[in-house]
Amino acid sequence: MIRSLIPLFTLLIVSTIFAVGLTKDPRSIPSQLINQKFPSFSLSELNDAENIITEKDLLNKVSLVNVFGSWCAACITEHPFLMGISDKENINLIGMNWRDDRVKAINWLNYYGDPYDKIIYDDESTLAIQLGVTGAPESFIIDFQGQIRYKHIGIINKKNWEKDILPIINSINKI
């Protein structure tokens, strides 16, 4: 009798694990980088290959580092929202152009608009690997001391901006 119930219990256990997994949001996986220093880097600016950007450019103001690419369909969806917040919010909006062709990326920004204060050009994934970037768009909130305070996977929109991202930025700005 007990032997005949083993497959049933196995199916029940596997089904339970699967059901629990379906309730988890894959974008809410906590990053190991939270409360760690933003990685050291030295990469060229997208619009000016002679100008070098480093982690020091992220200090003294809350920064939102947004990973994007001209090849990224979701980035096109996110872009109008970034254009809307670029002048309104008290943040240093830094783009990180990832795995892209420089000319295509510049043309993309000329067409859709450029919301960024600076744009890191990471065509070889040097910084992306250190940050654990798995796709675009992804965004990181960096505090005044250069610590990563939050990682957002996916499109930034009004809902997650107001619910998740802006409260963190506001709490950092109060410090």
Protein backbone atom coordinates (compact mmCIF):
# COMPACT_ATOMS: atom_id res chain seq x y z
CA MET A 1 0.00 0.00 0.00
CA ILE A 2 2.74 2.46 0.97
CA ARG A 3 4.70 1.66 -2.21
CA SER A 4 1.74 2.64 -4.34
CA LEU A 5 1.59 6.05 -2.63
CA ILE A 6 5.26 6.95 -3.28
CA PRO A 7 4.63 8.22 -6.86
CA LEU A 8 1.67 10.25 -5.59
CA PHE A 9 3.74 11.85 -2.81
CA THR A 10 6.59 12.51 -5.25
CA LEU A 11 4.18 14.22 -7.65
CA LEU A 12 2.71 16.23 -4.79
CA ILE A 13 6.15 17.43 -3.63
CA VAL A 14 7.29 18.34 -7.15
CA SER A 15 3.99 20.14 -7.83
CA THR A 16 4.31 22.11 -4.59
CA ILE A 17 7.87 23.19 -5.39
CA PHE A 18 6.78 24.19 -8.90
CA ALA A 19 3.77 26.16 -7.59
CA VAL A 20 5.93 28.04 -5.08
CA GLY A 21 8.42 28.85 -7.85
CA LEU A 22 5.65 30.32 -10.00
CA THR A 23 4.77 32.80 -7.26
CA LYS A 24 8.28 34.25 -7.20
CA ASP A 25 9.08 37.29 -9.35
CA PRO A 26 12.40 36.61 -11.15
CA ARG A 27 13.08 40.35 -11.19
CA SER A 28 13.09 40.45 -7.40
CA ILE A 29 16.10 38.19 -7.01
CA PRO A 30 18.29 40.08 -4.53
CA SER A 31 21.64 41.14 -5.90
CA GLN A 32 24.78 40.25 -3.97
CA LEU A 33 26.02 43.74 -4.82
CA ILE A 34 23.51 45.59 -2.63
CA ASN A 35 25.37 47.77 -0.10
CA GLN A 36 28.67 47.04 -1.87
CA LYS A 37 30.85 49.63 -3.59
CA PHE A 38 30.14 50.13 -7.27
CA PRO A 39 32.94 48.32 -9.13
CA SER A 40 36.00 50.27 -10.22
CA PHE A 41 36.00 50.91 -13.95
CA SER A 42 37.55 53.14 -16.57
CA LEU A 43 35.59 53.19 -19.82
CA SER A 44 35.08 55.69 -22.60
CA GLU A 45 32.05 57.90 -22.90
CA LEU A 46 29.72 56.88 -25.73
CA ASN A 47 29.66 60.30 -27.41
CA ASP A 48 33.36 61.02 -26.94
CA ALA A 49 35.76 58.06 -27.01
CA GLU A 50 38.57 60.28 -25.67
CA ASN A 51 36.63 61.13 -22.50
CA ILE A 52 37.01 58.48 -19.77
CA ILE A 53 34.31 57.81 -17.19
CA THR A 54 35.15 56.13 -13.87
CA GLU A 55 33.28 55.18 -10.72
CA LYS A 56 34.24 58.61 -9.32
CA ASP A 57 31.73 60.16 -11.74
CA LEU A 58 28.98 58.50 -9.68
CA LEU A 59 29.84 60.22 -6.40
CA ASN A 60 28.35 63.27 -4.62
CA LYS A 61 24.83 62.81 -6.04
CA VAL A 62 22.43 59.88 -6.17
CA SER A 63 23.02 58.12 -9.48
CA LEU A 64 20.76 55.87 -11.49
CA VAL A 65 22.86 53.73 -13.82
CA ASN A 66 20.64 52.42 -16.62
CA VAL A 67 21.89 49.57 -18.84
CA PHE A 68 20.56 49.86 -22.40
CA GLY A 69 21.35 48.98 -26.00
CA SER A 70 20.14 50.06 -29.42
CA TRP A 71 19.32 46.38 -30.05
CA CYS A 72 17.04 46.19 -26.99
CA ALA A 73 13.29 46.31 -27.75
CA ALA A 74 12.39 46.74 -24.06
CA CYS A 75 14.71 49.76 -23.89
CA ILE A 76 12.57 51.51 -26.52
CA THR A 77 9.53 50.96 -24.29
CA GLU A 78 11.37 52.30 -21.22
CA HIS A 79 12.99 55.27 -22.96
CA PRO A 80 10.09 57.79 -22.93
CA PHE A 81 9.82 57.41 -19.16
CA LEU A 82 13.55 58.09 -18.74
CA MET A 83 13.19 61.16 -20.96
CA GLY A 84 10.42 62.36 -18.64
CA ILE A 85 12.41 62.01 -15.42
CA SER A 86 15.76 63.25 -16.73
CA ASP A 87 15.05 66.91 -15.98
CA LYS A 88 12.57 66.49 -13.12
CA GLU A 89 14.35 64.28 -10.62
CA ASN A 90 17.37 65.15 -8.49
CA ILE A 91 19.51 62.29 -9.77
CA ASN A 92 22.58 61.76 -11.87
CA LEU A 93 21.13 59.71 -14.75
CA ILE A 94 23.96 57.62 -16.20
CA GLY A 95 23.46 55.43 -19.24
CA MET A 96 25.51 52.29 -19.72
CA ASN A 97 25.46 51.31 -23.37
CA TRP A 98 26.07 47.58 -23.35
CA ARG A 99 27.20 45.18 -26.12
CA ASP A 100 26.48 47.72 -28.81
CA ASP A 101 28.02 49.38 -31.83
CA ARG A 102 29.00 52.96 -30.98
CA VAL A 103 27.56 54.49 -34.17
CA LYS A 104 24.28 52.56 -33.87
CA ALA A 105 23.92 53.61 -30.23
CA ILE A 106 24.57 57.28 -31.01
CA ASN A 107 22.07 57.17 -33.89
CA TRP A 108 19.52 55.48 -31.60
CA LEU A 109 19.89 58.28 -29.02
CA ASN A 110 19.70 60.94 -31.73
CA TYR A 111 16.41 59.41 -32.88
CA TYR A 112 14.77 58.69 -29.48
CA GLY A 113 16.43 61.45 -27.43
CA ASP A 114 19.21 61.42 -24.87
CA PRO A 115 18.05 61.56 -21.24
CA TYR A 116 21.48 60.77 -19.78
CA ASP A 117 23.96 63.08 -18.04
CA LYS A 118 26.77 60.74 -19.15
CA ILE A 119 26.88 57.47 -21.05
CA ILE A 120 29.38 54.70 -20.32
CA TYR A 121 30.30 52.71 -23.43
CA ASP A 122 30.68 49.05 -22.40
CA ASP A 123 30.85 47.22 -25.72
CA GLU A 124 32.98 44.38 -24.32
CA SER A 125 30.88 43.85 -21.15
CA THR A 126 33.78 44.85 -18.88
CA LEU A 127 31.56 46.61 -16.33
CA ALA A 128 28.44 44.56 -17.07
CA ILE A 129 30.19 41.36 -15.97
CA GLN A 130 31.26 42.98 -12.68
CA LEU A 131 27.66 44.09 -12.11
CA GLY A 132 26.15 40.72 -12.99
CA VAL A 133 24.09 42.17 -15.82
CA THR A 134 22.09 39.47 -17.56
CA GLY A 135 20.02 41.58 -19.92
CA ALA A 136 18.77 45.03 -20.71
CA PRO A 137 17.30 47.11 -19.35
CA GLU A 138 18.69 46.83 -15.85
CA SER A 139 19.24 49.75 -13.49
CA PHE A 140 21.23 50.41 -10.33
CA ILE A 141 20.78 53.11 -7.69
CA ILE A 142 24.12 54.37 -6.36
CA ASP A 143 24.37 56.54 -3.23
CA PHE A 144 26.68 59.50 -2.50
CA GLN A 145 29.51 57.21 -1.37
CA GLY A 146 29.32 55.01 -4.46
CA GLN A 147 27.48 52.10 -2.85
CA ILE A 148 24.89 50.13 -4.80
CA ARG A 149 21.61 50.50 -2.95
CA TYR A 150 19.18 48.84 -5.36
CA LYS A 151 19.10 46.80 -8.56
CA HIS A 152 16.08 46.85 -10.84
CA ILE A 153 15.73 44.24 -13.57
CA GLY A 154 13.46 45.19 -16.45
CA ILE A 155 11.71 48.29 -17.69
CA ILE A 156 11.37 51.31 -15.41
CA ASN A 157 7.85 52.69 -15.65
CA LYS A 158 5.67 55.03 -13.60
CA LYS A 159 4.38 52.24 -11.36
CA ASN A 160 7.71 50.72 -10.29
CA TRP A 161 9.34 54.17 -10.25
CA GLU A 162 6.86 55.44 -7.66
CA LYS A 163 6.56 52.17 -5.72
CA ASP A 164 10.15 50.88 -5.62
CA ILE A 165 12.75 53.25 -7.03
CA LEU A 166 11.79 56.80 -6.02
CA PRO A 167 11.34 55.93 -2.31
CA ILE A 168 14.91 54.60 -2.22
CA ILE A 169 16.25 57.71 -3.97
CA ASN A 170 14.31 59.96 -1.58
CA SER A 171 15.58 58.08 1.49
CA ILE A 172 19.17 58.45 0.28
CA ASN A 173 18.67 62.17 -0.39
CA LYS A 174 17.41 62.66 3.20
CA ILE A 175 20.66 61.34 4.67
